[in-house]
Amino acid sequence: GGSLRLSCAPSGFTLEYYAIGWFRQVPGKEREGISCVSPSGGST
């Protein structure tokens, strides 16, 4: 029932030109794509 906020920052490049995805993985299972935001932020 609680909340967390994750952050994602780049190393060596600028994020603004790229869509960014969040994924999650549990040991023994495939990586799951859970969210994506377009380069402008206008589409999720």
PDB file of all heavy atoms in Angstrom:
ATOM      1  N   GLY A   1       0.793  -1.222   0.000  1.00  0.00           N
ATOM      2  CA  GLY A   1       0.000   0.000   0.000  1.00  0.00           C
ATOM      3  C   GLY A   1       0.822   1.268   0.000  1.00  0.00           C
ATOM      4  O   GLY A   1       0.272   2.367  -0.192  1.00  0.00           O
ATOM      5  N   GLY A   2       2.116   1.141   0.201  1.00  0.00           N
ATOM      6  CA  GLY A   2       2.989   2.300   0.252  1.00  0.00           C
ATOM      7  C   GLY A   2       3.412   2.790  -1.116  1.00  0.00           C
ATOM      8  O   GLY A   2       2.959   2.275  -2.151  1.00  0.00           O
ATOM      9  N   SER A   3       4.289   3.791  -1.102  1.00  0.00           N
ATOM     10  CA  SER A   3       4.731   4.433  -2.332  1.00  0.00           C
ATOM     11  C   SER A   3       6.248   4.583  -2.349  1.00  0.00           C
ATOM     12  O   SER A   3       6.885   4.677  -1.299  1.00  0.00           O
ATOM     13  CB  SER A   3       4.110   5.827  -2.457  1.00  0.00           C
ATOM     14  OG  SER A   3       2.706   5.767  -2.524  1.00  0.00           O
ATOM     15  N   LEU A   4       6.772   4.604  -3.549  1.00  0.00           N
ATOM     16  CA  LEU A   4       8.178   4.922  -3.792  1.00  0.00           C
ATOM     17  C   LEU A   4       8.272   5.708  -5.086  1.00  0.00           C
ATOM     18  O   LEU A   4       7.426   5.541  -5.976  1.00  0.00           O
ATOM     19  CB  LEU A   4       9.029   3.654  -3.928  1.00  0.00           C
ATOM     20  CG  LEU A   4       9.413   2.870  -2.680  1.00  0.00           C
ATOM     21  CD1 LEU A   4      10.134   1.589  -3.090  1.00  0.00           C
ATOM     22  CD2 LEU A   4      10.290   3.697  -1.757  1.00  0.00           C
ATOM     23  N   ARG A   5       9.303   6.528  -5.186  1.00  0.00           N
ATOM     24  CA  ARG A   5       9.592   7.188  -6.460  1.00  0.00           C
ATOM     25  C   ARG A   5      11.003   6.831  -6.898  1.00  0.00           C
ATOM     26  O   ARG A   5      11.976   7.109  -6.195  1.00  0.00           O
ATOM     27  CB  ARG A   5       9.453   8.710  -6.368  1.00  0.00           C
ATOM     28  CG  ARG A   5       9.556   9.379  -7.730  1.00  0.00           C
ATOM     29  CD  ARG A   5       9.334  10.866  -7.699  1.00  0.00           C
ATOM     30  NE  ARG A   5      10.521  11.602  -7.261  1.00  0.00           N
ATOM     31  CZ  ARG A   5      10.750  12.876  -7.548  1.00  0.00           C
ATOM     32  NH1 ARG A   5       9.878  13.560  -8.283  1.00  0.00           N
ATOM     33  NH2 ARG A   5      11.832  13.486  -7.103  1.00  0.00           N
ATOM     34  N   LEU A   6      11.088   6.226  -8.052  1.00  0.00           N
ATOM     35  CA  LEU A   6      12.371   5.893  -8.637  1.00  0.00           C
ATOM     36  C   LEU A   6      12.822   7.005  -9.569  1.00  0.00           C
ATOM     37  O   LEU A   6      11.999   7.643 -10.222  1.00  0.00           O
ATOM     38  CB  LEU A   6      12.284   4.584  -9.417  1.00  0.00           C
ATOM     39  CG  LEU A   6      11.743   3.371  -8.663  1.00  0.00           C
ATOM     40  CD1 LEU A   6      11.811   2.137  -9.577  1.00  0.00           C
ATOM     41  CD2 LEU A   6      12.483   3.138  -7.375  1.00  0.00           C
ATOM     42  N   SER A   7      14.129   7.192  -9.637  1.00  0.00           N
ATOM     43  CA  SER A   7      14.717   8.165 -10.549  1.00  0.00           C
ATOM     44  C   SER A   7      15.692   7.467 -11.483  1.00  0.00           C
ATOM     45  O   SER A   7      16.297   6.454 -11.120  1.00  0.00           O
ATOM     46  CB  SER A   7      15.446   9.262  -9.774  1.00  0.00           C
ATOM     47  OG  SER A   7      14.570   9.975  -8.949  1.00  0.00           O
ATOM     48  N   CYS A   8      15.853   8.048 -12.657  1.00  0.00           N
ATOM     49  CA  CYS A   8      16.745   7.503 -13.678  1.00  0.00           C
ATOM     50  C   CYS A   8      17.502   8.662 -14.298  1.00  0.00           C
ATOM     51  O   CYS A   8      16.886   9.590 -14.852  1.00  0.00           O
ATOM     52  CB  CYS A   8      15.916   6.776 -14.734  1.00  0.00           C
ATOM     53  SG  CYS A   8      16.827   6.240 -16.197  1.00  0.00           S
ATOM     54  N   ALA A   9      18.813   8.624 -14.186  1.00  0.00           N
ATOM     55  CA  ALA A   9      19.642   9.692 -14.734  1.00  0.00           C
ATOM     56  C   ALA A   9      20.702   9.091 -15.640  1.00  0.00           C
ATOM     57  O   ALA A   9      21.187   7.991 -15.385  1.00  0.00           O
ATOM     58  CB  ALA A   9      20.289  10.486 -13.610  1.00  0.00           C
ATOM     59  N   PRO A  10      21.086   9.803 -16.685  1.00  0.00           N
ATOM     60  CA  PRO A  10      22.038   9.244 -17.633  1.00  0.00           C
ATOM     61  C   PRO A  10      23.485   9.471 -17.221  1.00  0.00           C
ATOM     62  O   PRO A  10      23.783  10.346 -16.415  1.00  0.00           O
ATOM     63  CB  PRO A  10      21.735  10.015 -18.910  1.00  0.00           C
ATOM     64  CG  PRO A  10      21.360  11.369 -18.402  1.00  0.00           C
ATOM     65  CD  PRO A  10      20.613  11.125 -17.116  1.00  0.00           C
ATOM     66  N   SER A  11      24.341   8.662 -17.812  1.00  0.00           N
ATOM     67  CA  SER A  11      25.775   8.842 -17.673  1.00  0.00           C
ATOM     68  C   SER A  11      26.377   8.930 -19.062  1.00  0.00           C
ATOM     69  O   SER A  11      26.361   7.965 -19.809  1.00  0.00           O
ATOM     70  CB  SER A  11      26.382   7.660 -16.905  1.00  0.00           C
ATOM     71  OG  SER A  11      27.785   7.744 -16.882  1.00  0.00           O
ATOM     72  N   GLY A  12      26.829  10.131 -19.432  1.00  0.00           N
ATOM     73  CA  GLY A  12      27.506  10.260 -20.711  1.00  0.00           C
ATOM     74  C   GLY A  12      26.654  10.694 -21.879  1.00  0.00           C
ATOM     75  O   GLY A  12      27.162  10.747 -23.006  1.00  0.00           O
ATOM     76  N   PHE A  13      25.383  10.975 -21.676  1.00  0.00           N
ATOM     77  CA  PHE A  13      24.555  11.463 -22.782  1.00  0.00           C
ATOM     78  C   PHE A  13      23.336  12.204 -22.227  1.00  0.00           C
ATOM     79  O   PHE A  13      23.101  12.216 -21.023  1.00  0.00           O
ATOM     80  CB  PHE A  13      24.121  10.302 -23.692  1.00  0.00           C
ATOM     81  CG  PHE A  13      23.148   9.337 -23.080  1.00  0.00           C
ATOM     82  CD1 PHE A  13      21.803   9.367 -23.428  1.00  0.00           C
ATOM     83  CD2 PHE A  13      23.563   8.377 -22.176  1.00  0.00           C
ATOM     84  CE1 PHE A  13      20.907   8.468 -22.881  1.00  0.00           C
ATOM     85  CE2 PHE A  13      22.678   7.479 -21.620  1.00  0.00           C
ATOM     86  CZ  PHE A  13      21.342   7.525 -21.964  1.00  0.00           C
ATOM     87  N   THR A  14      22.584  12.804 -23.145  1.00  0.00           N
ATOM     88  CA  THR A  14      21.391  13.564 -22.772  1.00  0.00           C
ATOM     89  C   THR A  14      20.153  12.742 -23.080  1.00  0.00           C
ATOM     90  O   THR A  14      20.016  12.201 -24.169  1.00  0.00           O
ATOM     91  CB  THR A  14      21.352  14.884 -23.556  1.00  0.00           C
ATOM     92  OG1 THR A  14      22.525  15.646 -23.266  1.00  0.00           O
ATOM     93  CG2 THR A  14      20.129  15.705 -23.169  1.00  0.00           C
ATOM     94  N   LEU A  15      19.252  12.685 -22.100  1.00  0.00           N
ATOM     95  CA  LEU A  15      18.075  11.850 -22.242  1.00  0.00           C
ATOM     96  C   LEU A  15      17.022  12.408 -23.195  1.00  0.00           C
ATOM     97  O   LEU A  15      16.213  11.653 -23.730  1.00  0.00           O
ATOM     98  CB  LEU A  15      17.398  11.652 -20.879  1.00  0.00           C
ATOM     99  CG  LEU A  15      18.037  10.707 -19.862  1.00  0.00           C
ATOM    100  CD1 LEU A  15      17.203  10.698 -18.599  1.00  0.00           C
ATOM    101  CD2 LEU A  15      18.202   9.322 -20.434  1.00  0.00           C
ATOM    102  N   GLU A  16      17.015  13.710 -23.411  1.00  0.00           N
ATOM    103  CA  GLU A  16      15.824  14.352 -23.971  1.00  0.00           C
ATOM    104  C   GLU A  16      15.458  13.874 -25.364  1.00  0.00           C
ATOM    105  O   GLU A  16      14.324  14.077 -25.786  1.00  0.00           O
ATOM    106  CB  GLU A  16      16.004  15.872 -23.967  1.00  0.00           C
ATOM    107  CG  GLU A  16      17.073  16.382 -24.903  1.00  0.00           C
ATOM    108  CD  GLU A  16      17.110  17.908 -24.898  1.00  0.00           C
ATOM    109  OE1 GLU A  16      16.039  18.517 -25.030  1.00  0.00           O
ATOM    110  OE2 GLU A  16      18.206  18.469 -24.772  1.00  0.00           O
ATOM    111  N   TYR A  17      16.364  13.234 -26.095  1.00  0.00           N
ATOM    112  CA  TYR A  17      16.056  12.809 -27.446  1.00  0.00           C
ATOM    113  C   TYR A  17      15.549  11.371 -27.528  1.00  0.00           C
ATOM    114  O   TYR A  17      15.253  10.879 -28.622  1.00  0.00           O
ATOM    115  CB  TYR A  17      17.287  12.958 -28.326  1.00  0.00           C
ATOM    116  CG  TYR A  17      17.851  14.356 -28.316  1.00  0.00           C
ATOM    117  CD1 TYR A  17      19.103  14.619 -27.764  1.00  0.00           C
ATOM    118  CD2 TYR A  17      17.125  15.423 -28.831  1.00  0.00           C
ATOM    119  CE1 TYR A  17      19.616  15.898 -27.734  1.00  0.00           C
ATOM    120  CE2 TYR A  17      17.631  16.712 -28.809  1.00  0.00           C
ATOM    121  CZ  TYR A  17      18.877  16.942 -28.257  1.00  0.00           C
ATOM    122  OH  TYR A  17      19.387  18.208 -28.233  1.00  0.00           O
ATOM    123  N   TYR A  18      15.452  10.726 -26.379  1.00  0.00           N
ATOM    124  CA  TYR A  18      15.146   9.294 -26.361  1.00  0.00           C
ATOM    125  C   TYR A  18      13.913   8.984 -25.524  1.00  0.00           C
ATOM    126  O   TYR A  18      13.708   9.568 -24.451  1.00  0.00           O
ATOM    127  CB  TYR A  18      16.318   8.513 -25.786  1.00  0.00           C
ATOM    128  CG  TYR A  18      17.600   8.675 -26.553  1.00  0.00           C
ATOM    129  CD1 TYR A  18      18.511   9.666 -26.221  1.00  0.00           C
ATOM    130  CD2 TYR A  18      17.906   7.828 -27.617  1.00  0.00           C
ATOM    131  CE1 TYR A  18      19.688   9.830 -26.929  1.00  0.00           C
ATOM    132  CE2 TYR A  18      19.086   7.978 -28.325  1.00  0.00           C
ATOM    133  CZ  TYR A  18      19.962   8.979 -27.978  1.00  0.00           C
ATOM    134  OH  TYR A  18      21.127   9.131 -28.681  1.00  0.00           O
ATOM    135  N   ALA A  19      13.114   8.042 -26.016  1.00  0.00           N
ATOM    136  CA  ALA A  19      12.113   7.448 -25.143  1.00  0.00           C
ATOM    137  C   ALA A  19      12.836   6.664 -24.047  1.00  0.00           C
ATOM    138  O   ALA A  19      13.886   6.060 -24.284  1.00  0.00           O
ATOM    139  CB  ALA A  19      11.200   6.520 -25.940  1.00  0.00           C
ATOM    140  N   ILE A  20      12.262   6.688 -22.866  1.00  0.00           N
ATOM    141  CA  ILE A  20      12.848   5.980 -21.727  1.00  0.00           C
ATOM    142  C   ILE A  20      11.828   4.976 -21.197  1.00  0.00           C
ATOM    143  O   ILE A  20      10.653   5.295 -21.015  1.00  0.00           O
ATOM    144  CB  ILE A  20      13.229   6.953 -20.591  1.00  0.00           C
ATOM    145  CG1 ILE A  20      14.217   8.004 -21.105  1.00  0.00           C
ATOM    146  CG2 ILE A  20      13.819   6.179 -19.414  1.00  0.00           C
ATOM    147  CD1 ILE A  20      15.543   7.454 -21.577  1.00  0.00           C
ATOM    148  N   GLY A  21      12.310   3.774 -20.966  1.00  0.00           N
ATOM    149  CA  GLY A  21      11.449   2.724 -20.443  1.00  0.00           C
ATOM    150  C   GLY A  21      11.874   2.299 -19.058  1.00  0.00           C
ATOM    151  O   GLY A  21      13.049   2.382 -18.699  1.00  0.00           O
ATOM    152  N   TRP A  22      10.896   1.846 -18.300  1.00  0.00           N
ATOM    153  CA  TRP A  22      11.166   1.203 -17.013  1.00  0.00           C
ATOM    154  C   TRP A  22      10.805  -0.278 -17.148  1.00  0.00           C
ATOM    155  O   TRP A  22       9.757  -0.622 -17.702  1.00  0.00           O
ATOM    156  CB  TRP A  22      10.343   1.830 -15.897  1.00  0.00           C
ATOM    157  CG  TRP A  22      10.906   3.101 -15.357  1.00  0.00           C
ATOM    158  CD1 TRP A  22      10.521   4.370 -15.688  1.00  0.00           C
ATOM    159  CD2 TRP A  22      11.957   3.245 -14.395  1.00  0.00           C
ATOM    160  NE1 TRP A  22      11.268   5.289 -14.990  1.00  0.00           N
ATOM    161  CE2 TRP A  22      12.155   4.632 -14.191  1.00  0.00           C
ATOM    162  CE3 TRP A  22      12.749   2.355 -13.676  1.00  0.00           C
ATOM    163  CZ2 TRP A  22      13.118   5.133 -13.313  1.00  0.00           C
ATOM    164  CZ3 TRP A  22      13.700   2.857 -12.804  1.00  0.00           C
ATOM    165  CH2 TRP A  22      13.874   4.230 -12.626  1.00  0.00           C
ATOM    166  N   PHE A  23      11.675  -1.105 -16.620  1.00  0.00           N
ATOM    167  CA  PHE A  23      11.498  -2.548 -16.655  1.00  0.00           C
ATOM    168  C   PHE A  23      11.698  -3.087 -15.242  1.00  0.00           C
ATOM    169  O   PHE A  23      12.300  -2.436 -14.399  1.00  0.00           O
ATOM    170  CB  PHE A  23      12.531  -3.185 -17.597  1.00  0.00           C
ATOM    171  CG  PHE A  23      12.402  -2.747 -19.020  1.00  0.00           C
ATOM    172  CD1 PHE A  23      12.890  -1.515 -19.447  1.00  0.00           C
ATOM    173  CD2 PHE A  23      11.788  -3.561 -19.959  1.00  0.00           C
ATOM    174  CE1 PHE A  23      12.769  -1.090 -20.765  1.00  0.00           C
ATOM    175  CE2 PHE A  23      11.663  -3.162 -21.278  1.00  0.00           C
ATOM    176  CZ  PHE A  23      12.147  -1.928 -21.673  1.00  0.00           C
ATOM    177  N   ARG A  24      11.229  -4.296 -15.014  1.00  0.00           N
ATOM    178  CA  ARG A  24      11.513  -4.950 -13.746  1.00  0.00           C
ATOM    179  C   ARG A  24      11.755  -6.427 -13.992  1.00  0.00           C
ATOM    180  O   ARG A  24      11.274  -7.007 -14.975  1.00  0.00           O
ATOM    181  CB  ARG A  24      10.384  -4.730 -12.749  1.00  0.00           C
ATOM    182  CG  ARG A  24       9.058  -5.357 -13.116  1.00  0.00           C
ATOM    183  CD  ARG A  24       7.978  -4.928 -12.113  1.00  0.00           C
ATOM    184  NE  ARG A  24       6.691  -5.536 -12.395  1.00  0.00           N
ATOM    185  CZ  ARG A  24       5.568  -5.231 -11.740  1.00  0.00           C
ATOM    186  NH1 ARG A  24       5.595  -4.317 -10.760  1.00  0.00           N
ATOM    187  NH2 ARG A  24       4.439  -5.829 -12.059  1.00  0.00           N
ATOM    188  N   GLN A  25      12.502  -7.012 -13.080  1.00  0.00           N
ATOM    189  CA  GLN A  25      12.850  -8.421 -13.243  1.00  0.00           C
ATOM    190  C   GLN A  25      12.971  -9.093 -11.887  1.00  0.00           C
ATOM    191  O   GLN A  25      13.583  -8.552 -10.963  1.00  0.00           O
ATOM    192  CB  GLN A  25      14.164  -8.567 -14.018  1.00  0.00           C
ATOM    193  CG  GLN A  25      14.478  -9.986 -14.433  1.00  0.00           C
ATOM    194  CD  GLN A  25      15.603 -10.058 -15.434  1.00  0.00           C
ATOM    195  OE1 GLN A  25      16.435  -9.158 -15.536  1.00  0.00           O
ATOM    196  NE2 GLN A  25      15.641 -11.134 -16.207  1.00  0.00           N
ATOM    197  N   VAL A  26      12.391 -10.265 -11.821  1.00  0.00           N
ATOM    198  CA  VAL A  26      12.494 -11.132 -10.656  1.00  0.00           C
ATOM    199  C   VAL A  26      13.404 -12.291 -11.044  1.00  0.00           C
ATOM    200  O   VAL A  26      13.319 -12.772 -12.186  1.00  0.00           O
ATOM    201  CB  VAL A  26      11.109 -11.644 -10.236  1.00  0.00           C
ATOM    202  CG1 VAL A  26      11.221 -12.643  -9.099  1.00  0.00           C
ATOM    203  CG2 VAL A  26      10.209 -10.485  -9.850  1.00  0.00           C
ATOM    204  N   PRO A  27      14.288 -12.742 -10.163  1.00  0.00           N
ATOM    205  CA  PRO A  27      15.176 -13.859 -10.524  1.00  0.00           C
ATOM    206  C   PRO A  27      14.404 -15.041 -11.087  1.00  0.00           C
ATOM    207  O   PRO A  27      13.382 -15.461 -10.527  1.00  0.00           O
ATOM    208  CB  PRO A  27      15.837 -14.200  -9.190  1.00  0.00           C
ATOM    209  CG  PRO A  27      15.852 -12.913  -8.444  1.00  0.00           C
ATOM    210  CD  PRO A  27      14.565 -12.235  -8.824  1.00  0.00           C
ATOM    211  N   GLY A  28      14.880 -15.545 -12.210  1.00  0.00           N
ATOM    212  CA  GLY A  28      14.254 -16.692 -12.836  1.00  0.00           C
ATOM    213  C   GLY A  28      13.142 -16.364 -13.795  1.00  0.00           C
ATOM    214  O   GLY A  28      12.582 -17.264 -14.431  1.00  0.00           O
ATOM    215  N   LYS A  29      12.817 -15.078 -13.918  1.00  0.00           N
ATOM    216  CA  LYS A  29      11.744 -14.665 -14.826  1.00  0.00           C
ATOM    217  C   LYS A  29      12.274 -13.660 -15.837  1.00  0.00           C
ATOM    218  O   LYS A  29      13.306 -13.035 -15.638  1.00  0.00           O
ATOM    219  CB  LYS A  29      10.579 -14.060 -14.044  1.00  0.00           C
ATOM    220  CG  LYS A  29       9.850 -15.043 -13.150  1.00  0.00           C
ATOM    221  CD  LYS A  29       8.584 -14.443 -12.586  1.00  0.00           C
ATOM    222  CE  LYS A  29       7.808 -15.460 -11.776  1.00  0.00           C
ATOM    223  NZ  LYS A  29       6.541 -14.890 -11.234  1.00  0.00           N
ATOM    224  N   GLU A  30      11.540 -13.511 -16.931  1.00  0.00           N
ATOM    225  CA  GLU A  30      11.929 -12.556 -17.968  1.00  0.00           C
ATOM    226  C   GLU A  30      11.746 -11.120 -17.485  1.00  0.00           C
ATOM    227  O   GLU A  30      10.906 -10.836 -16.639  1.00  0.00           O
ATOM    228  CB  GLU A  30      11.100 -12.783 -19.226  1.00  0.00           C
ATOM    229  CG  GLU A  30      11.442 -14.062 -19.962  1.00  0.00           C
ATOM    230  CD  GLU A  30      10.766 -14.140 -21.314  1.00  0.00           C
ATOM    231  OE1 GLU A  30      10.057 -13.186 -21.692  1.00  0.00           O
ATOM    232  OE2 GLU A  30      10.942 -15.161 -22.000  1.00  0.00           O
ATOM    233  N   ARG A  31      12.547 -10.238 -18.074  1.00  0.00           N
ATOM    234  CA  ARG A  31      12.424  -8.817 -17.772  1.00  0.00           C
ATOM    235  C   ARG A  31      11.107  -8.308 -18.339  1.00  0.00           C
ATOM    236  O   ARG A  31      10.778  -8.545 -19.496  1.00  0.00           O
ATOM    237  CB  ARG A  31      13.602  -8.067 -18.373  1.00  0.00           C
ATOM    238  CG  ARG A  31      13.750  -6.646 -17.918  1.00  0.00           C
ATOM    239  CD  ARG A  31      15.124  -6.098 -18.272  1.00  0.00           C
ATOM    240  NE  ARG A  31      16.168  -6.771 -17.505  1.00  0.00           N
ATOM    241  CZ  ARG A  31      17.439  -6.357 -17.489  1.00  0.00           C
ATOM    242  NH1 ARG A  31      17.794  -5.295 -18.186  1.00  0.00           N
ATOM    243  NH2 ARG A  31      18.332  -7.013 -16.781  1.00  0.00           N
ATOM    244  N   GLU A  32      10.351  -7.596 -17.517  1.00  0.00           N
ATOM    245  CA  GLU A  32       9.025  -7.107 -17.894  1.00  0.00           C
ATOM    246  C   GLU A  32       9.068  -5.608 -18.141  1.00  0.00           C
ATOM    247  O   GLU A  32       9.494  -4.841 -17.268  1.00  0.00           O
ATOM    248  CB  GLU A  32       8.014  -7.410 -16.772  1.00  0.00           C
ATOM    249  CG  GLU A  32       6.627  -6.854 -17.018  1.00  0.00           C
ATOM    250  CD  GLU A  32       5.701  -6.957 -15.803  1.00  0.00           C
ATOM    251  OE1 GLU A  32       6.198  -7.220 -14.688  1.00  0.00           O
ATOM    252  OE2 GLU A  32       4.479  -6.764 -15.966  1.00  0.00           O
ATOM    253  N   GLY A  33       8.636  -5.178 -19.290  1.00  0.00           N
ATOM    254  CA  GLY A  33       8.505  -3.756 -19.588  1.00  0.00           C
ATOM    255  C   GLY A  33       7.246  -3.228 -18.934  1.00  0.00           C
ATOM    256  O   GLY A  33       6.154  -3.729 -19.208  1.00  0.00           O
ATOM    257  N   ILE A  34       7.363  -2.215 -18.074  1.00  0.00           N
ATOM    258  CA  ILE A  34       6.191  -1.760 -17.340  1.00  0.00           C
ATOM    259  C   ILE A  34       5.752  -0.349 -17.701  1.00  0.00           C
ATOM    260  O   ILE A  34       4.581   0.001 -17.499  1.00  0.00           O
ATOM    261  CB  ILE A  34       6.404  -1.855 -15.816  1.00  0.00           C
ATOM    262  CG1 ILE A  34       7.633  -1.059 -15.378  1.00  0.00           C
ATOM    263  CG2 ILE A  34       6.516  -3.311 -15.395  1.00  0.00           C
ATOM    264  CD1 ILE A  34       7.793  -0.968 -13.860  1.00  0.00           C
ATOM    265  N   SER A  35       6.652   0.470 -18.236  1.00  0.00           N
ATOM    266  CA  SER A  35       6.242   1.829 -18.571  1.00  0.00           C
ATOM    267  C   SER A  35       7.243   2.452 -19.529  1.00  0.00           C
ATOM    268  O   SER A  35       8.410   2.067 -19.554  1.00  0.00           O
ATOM    269  CB  SER A  35       6.130   2.684 -17.308  1.00  0.00           C
ATOM    270  OG  SER A  35       5.552   3.939 -17.603  1.00  0.00           O
ATOM    271  N   CYS A  36       6.750   3.404 -20.295  1.00  0.00           N
ATOM    272  CA  CYS A  36       7.602   4.096 -21.265  1.00  0.00           C
ATOM    273  C   CYS A  36       7.107   5.529 -21.399  1.00  0.00           C
ATOM    274  O   CYS A  36       5.890   5.778 -21.348  1.00  0.00           O
ATOM    275  CB  CYS A  36       7.556   3.374 -22.607  1.00  0.00           C
ATOM    276  SG  CYS A  36       8.564   4.112 -23.898  1.00  0.00           S
ATOM    277  N   VAL A  37       8.038   6.451 -21.588  1.00  0.00           N
ATOM    278  CA  VAL A  37       7.680   7.851 -21.828  1.00  0.00           C
ATOM    279  C   VAL A  37       8.401   8.317 -23.081  1.00  0.00           C
ATOM    280  O   VAL A  37       9.574   8.024 -23.287  1.00  0.00           O
ATOM    281  CB  VAL A  37       8.014   8.726 -20.602  1.00  0.00           C
ATOM    282  CG1 VAL A  37       9.499   8.714 -20.277  1.00  0.00           C
ATOM    283  CG2 VAL A  37       7.521  10.155 -20.803  1.00  0.00           C
ATOM    284  N   SER A  38       7.687   9.028 -23.934  1.00  0.00           N
ATOM    285  CA  SER A  38       8.235   9.517 -25.191  1.00  0.00           C
ATOM    286  C   SER A  38       9.276  10.607 -24.916  1.00  0.00           C
ATOM    287  O   SER A  38       9.347  11.145 -23.807  1.00  0.00           O
ATOM    288  CB  SER A  38       7.115  10.080 -26.062  1.00  0.00           C
ATOM    289  OG  SER A  38       6.535  11.207 -25.440  1.00  0.00           O
ATOM    290  N   PRO A  39      10.093  10.945 -25.926  1.00  0.00           N
ATOM    291  CA  PRO A  39      11.143  11.951 -25.707  1.00  0.00           C
ATOM    292  C   PRO A  39      10.624  13.277 -25.167  1.00  0.00           C
ATOM    293  O   PRO A  39      11.267  13.889 -24.305  1.00  0.00           O
ATOM    294  CB  PRO A  39      11.752  12.119 -27.099  1.00  0.00           C
ATOM    295  CG  PRO A  39      11.568  10.782 -27.738  1.00  0.00           C
ATOM    296  CD  PRO A  39      10.233  10.304 -27.245  1.00  0.00           C
ATOM    297  N   SER A  40       9.469  13.720 -25.620  1.00  0.00           N
ATOM    298  CA  SER A  40       8.930  14.995 -25.149  1.00  0.00           C
ATOM    299  C   SER A  40       8.194  14.878 -23.821  1.00  0.00           C
ATOM    300  O   SER A  40       7.904  15.883 -23.167  1.00  0.00           O
ATOM    301  CB  SER A  40       7.962  15.563 -26.193  1.00  0.00           C
ATOM    302  OG  SER A  40       6.777  14.783 -26.233  1.00  0.00           O
ATOM    303  N   GLY A  41       7.859  13.658 -23.458  1.00  0.00           N
ATOM    304  CA  GLY A  41       7.040  13.442 -22.265  1.00  0.00           C
ATOM    305  C   GLY A  41       5.554  13.487 -22.541  1.00  0.00           C
ATOM    306  O   GLY A  41       4.749  13.277 -21.647  1.00  0.00           O
ATOM    307  N   GLY A  42       5.188  13.727 -23.781  1.00  0.00           N
ATOM    308  CA  GLY A  42       3.784  13.878 -24.109  1.00  0.00           C
ATOM    309  C   GLY A  42       3.007  12.593 -24.258  1.00  0.00           C
ATOM    310  O   GLY A  42       1.776  12.605 -24.306  1.00  0.00           O
ATOM    311  N   SER A  43       3.692  11.477 -24.332  1.00  0.00           N
ATOM    312  CA  SER A  43       3.039  10.188 -24.508  1.00  0.00           C
ATOM    313  C   SER A  43       3.638   9.182 -23.545  1.00  0.00           C
ATOM    314  O   SER A  43       4.859   9.119 -23.385  1.00  0.00           O
ATOM    315  CB  SER A  43       3.221   9.709 -25.949  1.00  0.00           C
ATOM    316  OG  SER A  43       2.681   8.416 -26.126  1.00  0.00           O
ATOM    317  N   THR A  44       2.759   8.405 -22.910  1.00  0.00           N
ATOM    318  CA  THR A  44       3.220   7.388 -21.970  1.00  0.00           C
ATOM    319  C   THR A  44       2.499   6.080 -22.229  1.00  0.00           C
ATOM    320  O   THR A  44       1.370   6.065 -22.759  1.00  0.00           O
ATOM    321  CB  THR A  44       2.973   7.813 -20.517  1.00  0.00           C
ATOM    322  OG1 THR A  44       1.580   8.087 -20.334  1.00  0.00           O
ATOM    323  CG2 THR A  44       3.781   9.055 -20.161  1.00  0.00           C
TER     324      THR A  44
END
